[in-house]
Amino acid sequence: MLTVEEAVSLSSLWMPILLSGVFIFIASSVLHMVVKIHNKDYQSVPGEESIRDAIRGQKISPGLYVFPHCHSMKEMGTPEHMEKLNQGPNGFLTITPDGPPAMGKNLFLWFLYALLISIFVGYLTSISVASGASFKEVFRIAATAAVLGHCVPSICDSIWKCIPWPVTFKFIIDGAIYSAITAATFGWLWP
């Protein structure tokens, strides 16, 4: 940790924070719309229309669901619940609101998320790297902090939500690109 005299103020990092958010937004657009890295992440389910009809008939509100569901850890170990698990199918279900996705809102929230990570990167780097440090010194700390925000969280989805590991690895690649962009922006504009 730096002394107060050596530390960089977070307010002096507004430009790399803002620009890294913009650069990440652009990079993610390229990855998703030009490279199309995630086009094969989702598959159609056999009998889609009959499944949609069955779900529609249940009037399920938007939210996260698991099946078979149990209300307690005690219930999870009962023979009845174990039988349901063994019979299958088992899964997680995300129900979204009816209508087209709110892309404008989602893109805005994605940009805010990128900014939030950049703020934390800026804070951690500002208390770790002195003013006037080399690009390499800034990059090393900023990249490490950015990886914690952009790469690591997706691993939990494979552990707990059964997201296929190849999909998670693609999100980790995305995150590594976003982390490098963030770190390079901070290294470039470091006071």
Protein backbone atom coordinates (compact mmCIF):
# COMPACT_ATOMS: atom_id res chain seq x y z
CA MET A 1 0.00 0.00 0.00
CA LEU A 2 1.25 3.44 -0.90
CA THR A 3 1.53 6.38 1.45
CA VAL A 4 -0.97 9.20 1.05
CA GLU A 5 1.65 11.26 -0.77
CA GLU A 6 2.41 8.46 -3.26
CA ALA A 7 -1.19 7.39 -3.93
CA VAL A 8 -3.08 8.60 -6.97
CA SER A 9 -6.52 10.10 -6.28
CA LEU A 10 -9.44 8.20 -7.74
CA SER A 11 -10.86 11.47 -9.07
CA SER A 12 -7.76 11.91 -11.24
CA LEU A 13 -8.61 8.61 -12.97
CA TRP A 14 -11.99 9.63 -14.39
CA MET A 15 -10.66 9.56 -17.97
CA PRO A 16 -9.27 5.98 -17.94
CA ILE A 17 -12.35 4.82 -16.03
CA LEU A 18 -14.71 6.32 -18.61
CA LEU A 19 -12.66 5.38 -21.67
CA SER A 20 -12.09 1.79 -20.55
CA GLY A 21 -15.87 1.46 -20.19
CA VAL A 22 -16.35 2.82 -23.72
CA PHE A 23 -13.58 0.59 -25.15
CA ILE A 24 -15.05 -2.50 -23.46
CA PHE A 25 -18.50 -1.66 -24.84
CA ILE A 26 -17.02 -1.43 -28.34
CA ALA A 27 -14.99 -4.64 -27.93
CA SER A 28 -18.02 -6.56 -26.67
CA SER A 29 -20.03 -5.33 -29.65
CA VAL A 30 -17.33 -6.62 -31.98
CA LEU A 31 -17.12 -9.97 -30.17
CA HIS A 32 -20.89 -10.47 -30.23
CA MET A 33 -21.88 -8.97 -33.59
CA VAL A 34 -18.83 -9.40 -35.82
CA VAL A 35 -16.85 -12.35 -34.43
CA LYS A 36 -20.08 -13.90 -33.06
CA ILE A 37 -18.16 -15.85 -30.44
CA HIS A 38 -21.31 -16.76 -28.51
CA ASN A 39 -23.62 -17.75 -31.40
CA LYS A 40 -23.54 -21.45 -30.51
CA ASP A 41 -23.81 -21.04 -26.72
CA TYR A 42 -27.54 -21.85 -26.73
CA GLN A 43 -29.35 -24.70 -28.43
CA SER A 44 -32.99 -25.17 -29.28
CA VAL A 45 -34.92 -27.63 -27.19
CA PRO A 46 -36.76 -30.49 -28.95
CA GLY A 47 -40.49 -29.92 -28.86
CA GLU A 48 -40.02 -26.21 -28.25
CA GLU A 49 -43.60 -25.20 -29.11
CA SER A 50 -45.20 -27.80 -26.85
CA ILE A 51 -42.87 -26.79 -24.01
CA ARG A 52 -43.66 -23.10 -24.55
CA ASP A 53 -47.39 -23.93 -24.56
CA ALA A 54 -47.04 -25.87 -21.31
CA ILE A 55 -45.11 -23.05 -19.62
CA ARG A 56 -47.51 -20.41 -20.96
CA GLY A 57 -50.40 -22.40 -19.48
CA GLN A 58 -48.78 -22.22 -16.04
CA LYS A 59 -48.62 -18.39 -16.14
CA ILE A 60 -45.10 -18.38 -14.70
CA SER A 61 -43.79 -14.96 -13.73
CA PRO A 62 -40.36 -13.85 -14.95
CA GLY A 63 -37.69 -15.22 -12.61
CA LEU A 64 -35.33 -18.09 -11.89
CA TYR A 65 -36.63 -21.58 -11.33
CA VAL A 66 -35.15 -25.00 -10.58
CA PHE A 67 -36.75 -28.39 -11.11
CA PRO A 68 -37.30 -30.58 -9.32
CA HIS A 69 -37.59 -28.02 -6.53
CA CYS A 70 -37.36 -28.68 -2.83
CA HIS A 71 -38.03 -26.19 -0.05
CA SER A 72 -35.25 -27.19 2.36
CA MET A 73 -31.96 -29.04 2.64
CA LYS A 74 -33.77 -31.66 4.71
CA GLU A 75 -36.24 -32.27 1.87
CA MET A 76 -33.36 -32.55 -0.59
CA GLY A 77 -32.24 -35.83 0.96
CA THR A 78 -35.66 -37.52 1.08
CA PRO A 79 -36.24 -40.66 -0.99
CA GLU A 80 -39.05 -38.90 -2.88
CA HIS A 81 -36.80 -36.04 -3.98
CA MET A 82 -33.95 -38.40 -4.84
CA GLU A 83 -36.36 -40.38 -7.02
CA LYS A 84 -37.36 -37.21 -8.87
CA LEU A 85 -33.68 -36.38 -9.42
CA ASN A 86 -32.95 -39.88 -10.69
CA GLN A 87 -35.96 -39.85 -13.05
CA GLY A 88 -35.05 -36.46 -14.54
CA PRO A 89 -35.15 -34.15 -16.27
CA ASN A 90 -33.46 -31.74 -13.89
CA GLY A 91 -32.71 -28.16 -14.71
CA PHE A 92 -32.71 -24.46 -14.24
CA LEU A 93 -35.20 -22.25 -16.00
CA THR A 94 -34.99 -18.51 -16.56
CA ILE A 95 -38.24 -16.88 -17.59
CA THR A 96 -37.90 -13.42 -19.11
CA PRO A 97 -40.67 -10.86 -19.61
CA ASP A 98 -42.87 -11.33 -22.67
CA GLY A 99 -41.98 -9.29 -25.74
CA PRO A 100 -38.68 -8.45 -27.41
CA PRO A 101 -35.61 -8.03 -25.19
CA ALA A 102 -35.09 -4.48 -23.90
CA MET A 103 -31.77 -4.15 -25.74
CA GLY A 104 -31.37 -0.43 -25.04
CA LYS A 105 -31.78 -1.00 -21.31
CA ASN A 106 -29.54 -4.09 -21.34
CA LEU A 107 -26.78 -2.32 -23.27
CA PHE A 108 -26.95 0.65 -20.90
CA LEU A 109 -26.70 -1.69 -17.88
CA TRP A 110 -23.78 -3.51 -19.54
CA PHE A 111 -21.98 -0.17 -19.98
CA LEU A 112 -22.63 0.70 -16.31
CA TYR A 113 -21.27 -2.71 -15.31
CA ALA A 114 -18.08 -2.06 -17.31
CA LEU A 115 -17.78 1.34 -15.61
CA LEU A 116 -18.28 -0.21 -12.18
CA ILE A 117 -15.46 -2.67 -12.76
CA SER A 118 -13.28 0.18 -14.05
CA ILE A 119 -13.98 2.19 -10.89
CA PHE A 120 -12.80 -0.72 -8.73
CA VAL A 121 -9.79 -1.25 -11.00
CA GLY A 122 -9.01 2.45 -10.67
CA TYR A 123 -9.33 2.34 -6.90
CA LEU A 124 -7.15 -0.76 -6.43
CA THR A 125 -4.54 0.53 -8.86
CA SER A 126 -4.54 4.00 -7.28
CA ILE A 127 -3.63 2.60 -3.86
CA SER A 128 -1.08 0.17 -5.31
CA VAL A 129 0.81 2.11 -7.98
CA ALA A 130 2.44 5.50 -7.53
CA SER A 131 1.97 8.48 -9.80
CA GLY A 132 4.41 8.42 -12.69
CA ALA A 133 4.71 4.61 -12.68
CA SER A 134 5.56 2.81 -15.90
CA PHE A 135 2.92 1.40 -18.26
CA LYS A 136 4.02 -2.11 -17.27
CA GLU A 137 3.56 -1.48 -13.52
CA VAL A 138 0.10 0.01 -14.02
CA PHE A 139 -0.91 -2.68 -16.51
CA ARG A 140 0.08 -5.51 -14.16
CA ILE A 141 -2.05 -4.31 -11.24
CA ALA A 142 -4.96 -3.03 -13.34
CA ALA A 143 -5.16 -6.26 -15.36
CA THR A 144 -5.15 -8.38 -12.22
CA ALA A 145 -7.97 -6.33 -10.70
CA ALA A 146 -9.94 -6.36 -13.97
CA VAL A 147 -9.69 -10.16 -14.27
CA LEU A 148 -11.42 -10.44 -10.90
CA GLY A 149 -14.39 -8.53 -12.29
CA HIS A 150 -14.49 -9.72 -15.89
CA CYS A 151 -13.32 -13.35 -15.79
CA VAL A 152 -13.78 -14.94 -12.40
CA PRO A 153 -17.55 -14.47 -11.87
CA SER A 154 -18.50 -16.58 -14.89
CA ILE A 155 -16.83 -19.65 -13.34
CA CYS A 156 -19.58 -19.87 -10.70
CA ASP A 157 -22.17 -20.33 -13.45
CA SER A 158 -20.52 -23.58 -14.54
CA ILE A 159 -20.12 -24.77 -10.96
CA TRP A 160 -23.63 -24.06 -9.69
CA LYS A 161 -25.89 -23.53 -12.73
CA CYS A 162 -24.49 -26.26 -15.00
CA ILE A 163 -23.51 -23.80 -17.75
CA PRO A 164 -21.32 -25.88 -20.09
CA TRP A 165 -17.62 -25.26 -19.45
CA PRO A 166 -16.88 -24.42 -23.11
CA VAL A 167 -19.38 -21.54 -22.82
CA THR A 168 -17.73 -20.34 -19.61
CA PHE A 169 -14.30 -20.52 -21.24
CA LYS A 170 -15.56 -18.25 -24.02
CA PHE A 171 -16.77 -15.75 -21.40
CA ILE A 172 -13.35 -15.99 -19.74
CA ILE A 173 -11.75 -15.17 -23.11
CA ASP A 174 -14.11 -12.18 -23.40
CA GLY A 175 -13.14 -11.16 -19.87
CA ALA A 176 -9.43 -11.47 -20.60
CA ILE A 177 -9.86 -9.16 -23.60
CA TYR A 178 -11.86 -6.67 -21.51
CA SER A 179 -9.23 -6.88 -18.75
CA ALA A 180 -6.39 -6.20 -21.18
CA ILE A 181 -8.30 -3.24 -22.63
CA THR A 182 -8.94 -1.84 -19.15
CA ALA A 183 -5.33 -2.30 -18.06
CA ALA A 184 -3.95 -0.79 -21.27
CA THR A 185 -6.24 2.22 -20.91
CA PHE A 186 -5.10 2.81 -17.33
CA GLY A 187 -1.45 2.29 -18.31
CA TRP A 188 -1.80 4.74 -21.20
CA LEU A 189 -3.53 7.48 -19.17
CA TRP A 190 -1.83 6.97 -15.78
CA PRO A 191 -0.97 10.31 -14.11
